[in-house]
Amino acid sequence: RFEPLGRSVVVSTGTSLLEGARRVGIELASNCSGQGDCGQCGVIILEGQVSDLCEEEEGCLSKDEIHAHWRLACCARVYSPVRVLIPKSV
């Protein structure tokens, strides 16, 4: 579920949040085409389990952002029902 839009999508385990967002018409900024290089598709995980941080995320996100549950939607993969906040700046 993507907040504050209230849009939901059912995806297979391992699907990226970016792909899930696109399936319901949410176009998150992603100049790198989902490769984790640009850092533009940042979202905040509110609930649920996603994949562990990858190198690309550790290079793009600050320690404060990581502590606040920020993830790159192109890198974070779904492992359970997830609720995600799309910040206004995205």
PDB file of N, CA and C in Angstrom:
ATOM      1  N   ARG A   1       0.854  -1.177   0.000  1.00  0.00           N
ATOM      2  CA  ARG A   1       0.000   0.000   0.000  1.00  0.00           C
ATOM      3  C   ARG A   1       0.896   1.235   0.000  1.00  0.00           C
ATOM      4  N   PHE A   2       0.582   2.174  -0.867  1.00  0.00           N
ATOM      5  CA  PHE A   2       1.365   3.395  -0.997  1.00  0.00           C
ATOM      6  C   PHE A   2       0.585   4.570  -0.409  1.00  0.00           C
ATOM      7  N   GLU A   3       1.159   5.174   0.618  1.00  0.00           N
ATOM      8  CA  GLU A   3       0.553   6.320   1.290  1.00  0.00           C
ATOM      9  C   GLU A   3       1.253   7.590   0.813  1.00  0.00           C
ATOM     10  N   PRO A   4       0.659   8.733   0.817  1.00  0.00           N
ATOM     11  CA  PRO A   4      -0.702   9.025   1.244  1.00  0.00           C
ATOM     12  C   PRO A   4      -1.738   8.787   0.145  1.00  0.00           C
ATOM     13  N   LEU A   5      -1.340   8.177  -0.965  1.00  0.00           N
ATOM     14  CA  LEU A   5      -2.254   7.985  -2.087  1.00  0.00           C
ATOM     15  C   LEU A   5      -3.311   6.917  -1.827  1.00  0.00           C
ATOM     16  N   GLY A   6      -3.024   5.990  -0.929  1.00  0.00           N
ATOM     17  CA  GLY A   6      -3.973   4.940  -0.620  1.00  0.00           C
ATOM     18  C   GLY A   6      -4.108   3.893  -1.720  1.00  0.00           C
ATOM     19  N   ARG A   7      -3.135   3.800  -2.600  1.00  0.00           N
ATOM     20  CA  ARG A   7      -3.179   2.804  -3.680  1.00  0.00           C
ATOM     21  C   ARG A   7      -2.501   1.518  -3.219  1.00  0.00           C
ATOM     22  N   SER A   8      -3.109   0.402  -3.574  1.00  0.00           N
ATOM     23  CA  SER A   8      -2.576  -0.908  -3.202  1.00  0.00           C
ATOM     24  C   SER A   8      -2.351  -1.751  -4.436  1.00  0.00           C
ATOM     25  N   VAL A   9      -1.419  -2.668  -4.325  1.00  0.00           N
ATOM     26  CA  VAL A   9      -1.124  -3.601  -5.410  1.00  0.00           C
ATOM     27  C   VAL A   9      -0.646  -4.910  -4.786  1.00  0.00           C
ATOM     28  N   VAL A  10      -0.995  -6.013  -5.413  1.00  0.00           N
ATOM     29  CA  VAL A  10      -0.500  -7.311  -4.990  1.00  0.00           C
ATOM     30  C   VAL A  10       0.632  -7.695  -5.938  1.00  0.00           C
ATOM     31  N   VAL A  11       1.799  -8.001  -5.367  1.00  0.00           N
ATOM     32  CA  VAL A  11       2.965  -8.379  -6.169  1.00  0.00           C
ATOM     33  C   VAL A  11       3.566  -9.658  -5.596  1.00  0.00           C
ATOM     34  N   SER A  12       4.373 -10.309  -6.386  1.00  0.00           N
ATOM     35  CA  SER A  12       5.081 -11.506  -5.942  1.00  0.00           C
ATOM     36  C   SER A  12       6.202 -11.124  -4.980  1.00  0.00           C
ATOM     37  N   THR A  13       6.534 -12.033  -4.083  1.00  0.00           N
ATOM     38  CA  THR A  13       7.671 -11.837  -3.196  1.00  0.00           C
ATOM     39  C   THR A  13       8.908 -11.574  -4.043  1.00  0.00           C
ATOM     40  N   GLY A  14       9.674 -10.577  -3.651  1.00  0.00           N
ATOM     41  CA  GLY A  14      10.902 -10.234  -4.364  1.00  0.00           C
ATOM     42  C   GLY A  14      10.738  -9.124  -5.388  1.00  0.00           C
ATOM     43  N   THR A  15       9.505  -8.664  -5.595  1.00  0.00           N
ATOM     44  CA  THR A  15       9.256  -7.556  -6.520  1.00  0.00           C
ATOM     45  C   THR A  15       9.737  -6.257  -5.888  1.00  0.00           C
ATOM     46  N   SER A  16      10.341  -5.392  -6.676  1.00  0.00           N
ATOM     47  CA  SER A  16      10.800  -4.114  -6.125  1.00  0.00           C
ATOM     48  C   SER A  16       9.612  -3.193  -5.861  1.00  0.00           C
ATOM     49  N   LEU A  17       9.785  -2.305  -4.898  1.00  0.00           N
ATOM     50  CA  LEU A  17       8.747  -1.317  -4.612  1.00  0.00           C
ATOM     51  C   LEU A  17       8.518  -0.415  -5.818  1.00  0.00           C
ATOM     52  N   LEU A  18       9.572  -0.129  -6.570  1.00  0.00           N
ATOM     53  CA  LEU A  18       9.432   0.707  -7.764  1.00  0.00           C
ATOM     54  C   LEU A  18       8.506   0.044  -8.781  1.00  0.00           C
ATOM     55  N   GLU A  19       8.701  -1.238  -9.009  1.00  0.00           N
ATOM     56  CA  GLU A  19       7.835  -1.952  -9.951  1.00  0.00           C
ATOM     57  C   GLU A  19       6.398  -1.984  -9.442  1.00  0.00           C
ATOM     58  N   GLY A  20       6.227  -2.233  -8.158  1.00  0.00           N
ATOM     59  CA  GLY A  20       4.882  -2.238  -7.583  1.00  0.00           C
ATOM     60  C   GLY A  20       4.197  -0.895  -7.745  1.00  0.00           C
ATOM     61  N   ALA A  21       4.938   0.175  -7.500  1.00  0.00           N
ATOM     62  CA  ALA A  21       4.378   1.522  -7.645  1.00  0.00           C
ATOM     63  C   ALA A  21       3.941   1.767  -9.084  1.00  0.00           C
ATOM     64  N   ARG A  22       4.766   1.392 -10.008  1.00  0.00           N
ATOM     65  CA  ARG A  22       4.441   1.611 -11.420  1.00  0.00           C
ATOM     66  C   ARG A  22       3.213   0.819 -11.855  1.00  0.00           C
ATOM     67  N   ARG A  23       3.020  -0.337 -11.277  1.00  0.00           N
ATOM     68  CA  ARG A  23       1.847  -1.157 -11.624  1.00  0.00           C
ATOM     69  C   ARG A  23       0.531  -0.479 -11.269  1.00  0.00           C
ATOM     70  N   VAL A  24       0.563   0.422 -10.291  1.00  0.00           N
ATOM     71  CA  VAL A  24      -0.663   1.138  -9.914  1.00  0.00           C
ATOM     72  C   VAL A  24      -0.614   2.601 -10.334  1.00  0.00           C
ATOM     73  N   GLY A  25       0.238   2.906 -11.292  1.00  0.00           N
ATOM     74  CA  GLY A  25       0.260   4.246 -11.867  1.00  0.00           C
ATOM     75  C   GLY A  25       1.000   5.301 -11.082  1.00  0.00           C
ATOM     76  N   ILE A  26       1.853   4.888 -10.160  1.00  0.00           N
ATOM     77  CA  ILE A  26       2.664   5.839  -9.398  1.00  0.00           C
ATOM     78  C   ILE A  26       4.032   5.901 -10.050  1.00  0.00           C
ATOM     79  N   GLU A  27       4.363   7.052 -10.587  1.00  0.00           N
ATOM     80  CA  GLU A  27       5.652   7.222 -11.261  1.00  0.00           C
ATOM     81  C   GLU A  27       6.632   7.924 -10.326  1.00  0.00           C
ATOM     82  N   LEU A  28       7.419   7.130  -9.630  1.00  0.00           N
ATOM     83  CA  LEU A  28       8.467   7.690  -8.784  1.00  0.00           C
ATOM     84  C   LEU A  28       9.632   8.111  -9.671  1.00  0.00           C
ATOM     85  N   ALA A  29      10.267   9.215  -9.323  1.00  0.00           N
ATOM     86  CA  ALA A  29      11.433   9.675 -10.077  1.00  0.00           C
ATOM     87  C   ALA A  29      12.514   8.589 -10.040  1.00  0.00           C
ATOM     88  N   SER A  30      13.123   8.345 -11.177  1.00  0.00           N
ATOM     89  CA  SER A  30      14.179   7.338 -11.250  1.00  0.00           C
ATOM     90  C   SER A  30      14.970   7.542 -12.536  1.00  0.00           C
ATOM     91  N   ASN A  31      15.883   8.504 -12.526  1.00  0.00           N
ATOM     92  CA  ASN A  31      16.700   8.793 -13.706  1.00  0.00           C
ATOM     93  C   ASN A  31      17.614   7.641 -14.093  1.00  0.00           C
ATOM     94  N   CYS A  32      17.887   6.730 -13.158  1.00  0.00           N
ATOM     95  CA  CYS A  32      18.805   5.621 -13.435  1.00  0.00           C
ATOM     96  C   CYS A  32      18.071   4.382 -13.927  1.00  0.00           C
ATOM     97  N   SER A  33      16.775   4.508 -14.175  1.00  0.00           N
ATOM     98  CA  SER A  33      15.958   3.379 -14.651  1.00  0.00           C
ATOM     99  C   SER A  33      15.970   2.196 -13.684  1.00  0.00           C
ATOM    100  N   GLY A  34      15.991   2.492 -12.399  1.00  0.00           N
ATOM    101  CA  GLY A  34      15.897   1.434 -11.398  1.00  0.00           C
ATOM    102  C   GLY A  34      17.185   0.720 -11.073  1.00  0.00           C
ATOM    103  N   GLN A  35      18.320   1.337 -11.324  1.00  0.00           N
ATOM    104  CA  GLN A  35      19.619   0.711 -11.061  1.00  0.00           C
ATOM    105  C   GLN A  35      20.206   1.101  -9.699  1.00  0.00           C
ATOM    106  N   GLY A  36      19.534   1.985  -8.952  1.00  0.00           N
ATOM    107  CA  GLY A  36      20.015   2.376  -7.630  1.00  0.00           C
ATOM    108  C   GLY A  36      21.120   3.407  -7.644  1.00  0.00           C
ATOM    109  N   ASP A  37      21.335   4.051  -8.764  1.00  0.00           N
ATOM    110  CA  ASP A  37      22.437   5.006  -8.878  1.00  0.00           C
ATOM    111  C   ASP A  37      22.058   6.452  -8.591  1.00  0.00           C
ATOM    112  N   CYS A  38      20.810   6.832  -8.860  1.00  0.00           N
ATOM    113  CA  CYS A  38      20.457   8.251  -8.772  1.00  0.00           C
ATOM    114  C   CYS A  38      19.910   8.660  -7.403  1.00  0.00           C
ATOM    115  N   GLY A  39      19.360   7.720  -6.640  1.00  0.00           N
ATOM    116  CA  GLY A  39      18.849   8.026  -5.311  1.00  0.00           C
ATOM    117  C   GLY A  39      17.551   8.805  -5.285  1.00  0.00           C
ATOM    118  N   GLN A  40      16.868   8.930  -6.415  1.00  0.00           N
ATOM    119  CA  GLN A  40      15.656   9.746  -6.482  1.00  0.00           C
ATOM    120  C   GLN A  40      14.383   9.050  -6.009  1.00  0.00           C
ATOM    121  N   CYS A  41      14.358   7.737  -5.966  1.00  0.00           N
ATOM    122  CA  CYS A  41      13.113   7.019  -5.671  1.00  0.00           C
ATOM    123  C   CYS A  41      12.975   6.674  -4.191  1.00  0.00           C
ATOM    124  N   GLY A  42      13.470   7.557  -3.331  1.00  0.00           N
ATOM    125  CA  GLY A  42      13.412   7.315  -1.897  1.00  0.00           C
ATOM    126  C   GLY A  42      11.993   7.271  -1.356  1.00  0.00           C
ATOM    127  N   VAL A  43      11.723   6.255  -0.547  1.00  0.00           N
ATOM    128  CA  VAL A  43      10.439   6.103   0.135  1.00  0.00           C
ATOM    129  C   VAL A  43      10.728   5.720   1.582  1.00  0.00           C
ATOM    130  N   ILE A  44       9.701   5.783   2.417  1.00  0.00           N
ATOM    131  CA  ILE A  44       9.849   5.422   3.824  1.00  0.00           C
ATOM    132  C   ILE A  44       9.001   4.194   4.096  1.00  0.00           C
ATOM    133  N   ILE A  45       9.612   3.172   4.661  1.00  0.00           N
ATOM    134  CA  ILE A  45       8.894   1.938   4.995  1.00  0.00           C
ATOM    135  C   ILE A  45       8.181   2.170   6.331  1.00  0.00           C
ATOM    136  N   LEU A  46       6.854   2.115   6.304  1.00  0.00           N
ATOM    137  CA  LEU A  46       6.059   2.302   7.514  1.00  0.00           C
ATOM    138  C   LEU A  46       5.781   0.978   8.211  1.00  0.00           C
ATOM    139  N   GLU A  47       5.522  -0.061   7.440  1.00  0.00           N
ATOM    140  CA  GLU A  47       5.219  -1.386   7.992  1.00  0.00           C
ATOM    141  C   GLU A  47       5.660  -2.439   6.988  1.00  0.00           C
ATOM    142  N   GLY A  48       5.999  -3.600   7.492  1.00  0.00           N
ATOM    143  CA  GLY A  48       6.282  -4.726   6.631  1.00  0.00           C
ATOM    144  C   GLY A  48       7.768  -4.998   6.479  1.00  0.00           C
ATOM    145  N   GLN A  49       8.042  -6.108   5.813  1.00  0.00           N
ATOM    146  CA  GLN A  49       9.420  -6.564   5.638  1.00  0.00           C
ATOM    147  C   GLN A  49       9.848  -6.434   4.184  1.00  0.00           C
ATOM    148  N   VAL A  50      10.991  -5.793   4.005  1.00  0.00           N
ATOM    149  CA  VAL A  50      11.606  -5.681   2.681  1.00  0.00           C
ATOM    150  C   VAL A  50      13.037  -6.211   2.773  1.00  0.00           C
ATOM    151  N   SER A  51      13.677  -6.342   1.627  1.00  0.00           N
ATOM    152  CA  SER A  51      15.046  -6.834   1.572  1.00  0.00           C
ATOM    153  C   SER A  51      15.991  -5.960   2.388  1.00  0.00           C
ATOM    154  N   ASP A  52      17.144  -6.515   2.701  1.00  0.00           N
ATOM    155  CA  ASP A  52      18.178  -5.767   3.416  1.00  0.00           C
ATOM    156  C   ASP A  52      18.729  -4.652   2.529  1.00  0.00           C
ATOM    157  N   LEU A  53      19.317  -3.659   3.156  1.00  0.00           N
ATOM    158  CA  LEU A  53      19.972  -2.571   2.414  1.00  0.00           C
ATOM    159  C   LEU A  53      21.040  -3.140   1.489  1.00  0.00           C
ATOM    160  N   CYS A  54      21.140  -2.570   0.316  1.00  0.00           N
ATOM    161  CA  CYS A  54      22.185  -2.984  -0.619  1.00  0.00           C
ATOM    162  C   CYS A  54      23.252  -1.880  -0.687  1.00  0.00           C
ATOM    163  N   GLU A  55      24.343  -2.160  -1.377  1.00  0.00           N
ATOM    164  CA  GLU A  55      25.442  -1.195  -1.487  1.00  0.00           C
ATOM    165  C   GLU A  55      24.984   0.131  -2.087  1.00  0.00           C
ATOM    166  N   GLU A  56      24.131   0.058  -3.112  1.00  0.00           N
ATOM    167  CA  GLU A  56      23.663   1.277  -3.769  1.00  0.00           C
ATOM    168  C   GLU A  56      22.924   2.178  -2.783  1.00  0.00           C
ATOM    169  N   GLU A  57      22.078   1.572  -1.951  1.00  0.00           N
ATOM    170  CA  GLU A  57      21.337   2.360  -0.957  1.00  0.00           C
ATOM    171  C   GLU A  57      22.274   2.951   0.081  1.00  0.00           C
ATOM    172  N   GLU A  58      23.238   2.181   0.528  1.00  0.00           N
ATOM    173  CA  GLU A  58      24.188   2.681   1.515  1.00  0.00           C
ATOM    174  C   GLU A  58      24.990   3.851   0.959  1.00  0.00           C
ATOM    175  N   GLY A  59      25.183   3.879  -0.360  1.00  0.00           N
ATOM    176  CA  GLY A  59      25.903   4.980  -0.987  1.00  0.00           C
ATOM    177  C   GLY A  59      25.042   6.205  -1.240  1.00  0.00           C
ATOM    178  N   CYS A  60      23.728   6.023  -1.361  1.00  0.00           N
ATOM    179  CA  CYS A  60      22.817   7.137  -1.689  1.00  0.00           C
ATOM    180  C   CYS A  60      22.122   7.743  -0.476  1.00  0.00           C
ATOM    181  N   LEU A  61      21.865   6.924   0.532  1.00  0.00           N
ATOM    182  CA  LEU A  61      21.103   7.389   1.695  1.00  0.00           C
ATOM    183  C   LEU A  61      22.035   7.735   2.850  1.00  0.00           C
ATOM    184  N   SER A  62      21.673   8.791   3.581  1.00  0.00           N
ATOM    185  CA  SER A  62      22.466   9.161   4.753  1.00  0.00           C
ATOM    186  C   SER A  62      22.142   8.214   5.911  1.00  0.00           C
ATOM    187  N   LYS A  63      22.977   8.220   6.918  1.00  0.00           N
ATOM    188  CA  LYS A  63      22.721   7.396   8.107  1.00  0.00           C
ATOM    189  C   LYS A  63      21.398   7.789   8.758  1.00  0.00           C
ATOM    190  N   ASP A  64      21.089   9.091   8.768  1.00  0.00           N
ATOM    191  CA  ASP A  64      19.822   9.557   9.339  1.00  0.00           C
ATOM    192  C   ASP A  64      18.636   9.032   8.540  1.00  0.00           C
ATOM    193  N   GLU A  65      18.755   9.042   7.224  1.00  0.00           N
ATOM    194  CA  GLU A  65      17.670   8.517   6.386  1.00  0.00           C
ATOM    195  C   GLU A  65      17.483   7.020   6.619  1.00  0.00           C
ATOM    196  N   ILE A  66      18.578   6.291   6.686  1.00  0.00           N
ATOM    197  CA  ILE A  66      18.493   4.848   6.933  1.00  0.00           C
ATOM    198  C   ILE A  66      17.845   4.588   8.286  1.00  0.00           C
ATOM    199  N   HIS A  67      18.234   5.359   9.299  1.00  0.00           N
ATOM    200  CA  HIS A  67      17.647   5.217  10.641  1.00  0.00           C
ATOM    201  C   HIS A  67      16.146   5.526  10.624  1.00  0.00           C
ATOM    202  N   ALA A  68      15.719   6.423   9.735  1.00  0.00           N
ATOM    203  CA  ALA A  68      14.301   6.807   9.623  1.00  0.00           C
ATOM    204  C   ALA A  68      13.536   5.895   8.655  1.00  0.00           C
ATOM    205  N   HIS A  69      14.139   4.765   8.277  1.00  0.00           N
ATOM    206  CA  HIS A  69      13.499   3.736   7.439  1.00  0.00           C
ATOM    207  C   HIS A  69      13.330   4.134   5.982  1.00  0.00           C
ATOM    208  N   TRP A  70      14.177   5.047   5.500  1.00  0.00           N
ATOM    209  CA  TRP A  70      14.178   5.378   4.077  1.00  0.00           C
ATOM    210  C   TRP A  70      14.781   4.221   3.316  1.00  0.00           C
ATOM    211  N   ARG A  71      14.262   3.987   2.118  1.00  0.00           N
ATOM    212  CA  ARG A  71      14.810   2.993   1.193  1.00  0.00           C
ATOM    213  C   ARG A  71      14.674   3.519  -0.221  1.00  0.00           C
ATOM    214  N   LEU A  72      15.455   2.979  -1.126  1.00  0.00           N
ATOM    215  CA  LEU A  72      15.279   3.269  -2.537  1.00  0.00           C
ATOM    216  C   LEU A  72      14.272   2.257  -3.070  1.00  0.00           C
ATOM    217  N   ALA A  73      13.217   2.753  -3.671  1.00  0.00           N
ATOM    218  CA  ALA A  73      12.144   1.873  -4.146  1.00  0.00           C
ATOM    219  C   ALA A  73      12.639   0.891  -5.203  1.00  0.00           C
ATOM    220  N   CYS A  74      13.667   1.268  -5.948  1.00  0.00           N
ATOM    221  CA  CYS A  74      14.189   0.365  -6.981  1.00  0.00           C
ATOM    222  C   CYS A  74      14.989  -0.785  -6.382  1.00  0.00           C
ATOM    223  N   CYS A  75      15.495  -0.616  -5.185  1.00  0.00           N
ATOM    224  CA  CYS A  75      16.332  -1.640  -4.551  1.00  0.00           C
ATOM    225  C   CYS A  75      15.576  -2.480  -3.529  1.00  0.00           C
ATOM    226  N   ALA A  76      14.630  -1.875  -2.830  1.00  0.00           N
ATOM    227  CA  ALA A  76      13.899  -2.578  -1.775  1.00  0.00           C
ATOM    228  C   ALA A  76      12.907  -3.555  -2.398  1.00  0.00           C
ATOM    229  N   ARG A  77      13.018  -4.797  -2.006  1.00  0.00           N
ATOM    230  CA  ARG A  77      12.159  -5.861  -2.528  1.00  0.00           C
ATOM    231  C   ARG A  77      11.212  -6.333  -1.442  1.00  0.00           C
ATOM    232  N   VAL A  78       9.991  -6.595  -1.833  1.00  0.00           N
ATOM    233  CA  VAL A  78       8.901  -6.933  -0.910  1.00  0.00           C
ATOM    234  C   VAL A  78       9.024  -8.378  -0.418  1.00  0.00           C
ATOM    235  N   TYR A  79       8.924  -8.558   0.914  1.00  0.00           N
ATOM    236  CA  TYR A  79       8.920  -9.899   1.505  1.00  0.00           C
ATOM    237  C   TYR A  79       7.694 -10.159   2.365  1.00  0.00           C
ATOM    238  N   SER A  80       6.832  -9.175   2.520  1.00  0.00           N
ATOM    239  CA  SER A  80       5.586  -9.318   3.277  1.00  0.00           C
ATOM    240  C   SER A  80       4.681  -8.169   2.844  1.00  0.00           C
ATOM    241  N   PRO A  81       3.432  -8.151   3.300  1.00  0.00           N
ATOM    242  CA  PRO A  81       2.629  -6.953   3.023  1.00  0.00           C
ATOM    243  C   PRO A  81       3.358  -5.727   3.586  1.00  0.00           C
ATOM    244  N   VAL A  82       3.430  -4.687   2.780  1.00  0.00           N
ATOM    245  CA  VAL A  82       4.216  -3.507   3.130  1.00  0.00           C
ATOM    246  C   VAL A  82       3.363  -2.254   2.959  1.00  0.00           C
ATOM    247  N   ARG A  83       3.558  -1.313   3.867  1.00  0.00           N
ATOM    248  CA  ARG A  83       2.953   0.013   3.740  1.00  0.00           C
ATOM    249  C   ARG A  83       4.092   1.010   3.611  1.00  0.00           C
ATOM    250  N   VAL A  84       4.033   1.833   2.558  1.00  0.00           N
ATOM    251  CA  VAL A  84       5.126   2.710   2.192  1.00  0.00           C
ATOM    252  C   VAL A  84       4.628   4.150   2.113  1.00  0.00           C
ATOM    253  N   LEU A  85       5.419   5.073   2.615  1.00  0.00           N
ATOM    254  CA  LEU A  85       5.104   6.500   2.501  1.00  0.00           C
ATOM    255  C   LEU A  85       5.928   7.090   1.364  1.00  0.00           C
ATOM    256  N   ILE A  86       5.240   7.750   0.451  1.00  0.00           N
ATOM    257  CA  ILE A  86       5.928   8.474  -0.614  1.00  0.00           C
ATOM    258  C   ILE A  86       6.045   9.920  -0.157  1.00  0.00           C
ATOM    259  N   PRO A  87       7.259  10.364   0.164  1.00  0.00           N
ATOM    260  CA  PRO A  87       7.433  11.733   0.629  1.00  0.00           C
ATOM    261  C   PRO A  87       7.017  12.741  -0.440  1.00  0.00           C
ATOM    262  N   LYS A  88       6.588  13.898  -0.018  1.00  0.00           N
ATOM    263  CA  LYS A  88       6.140  14.940  -0.960  1.00  0.00           C
ATOM    264  C   LYS A  88       7.238  15.362  -1.923  1.00  0.00           C
ATOM    265  N   SER A  89       8.485  15.255  -1.503  1.00  0.00           N
ATOM    266  CA  SER A  89       9.592  15.711  -2.344  1.00  0.00           C
ATOM    267  C   SER A  89       9.917  14.742  -3.473  1.00  0.00           C
ATOM    268  N   VAL A  90       9.333  13.541  -3.465  1.00  0.00           N
ATOM    269  CA  VAL A  90       9.628  12.551  -4.513  1.00  0.00           C
ATOM    270  C   VAL A  90       8.741  12.790  -5.702  1.00  0.00           C
TER     271      VAL A  90
END
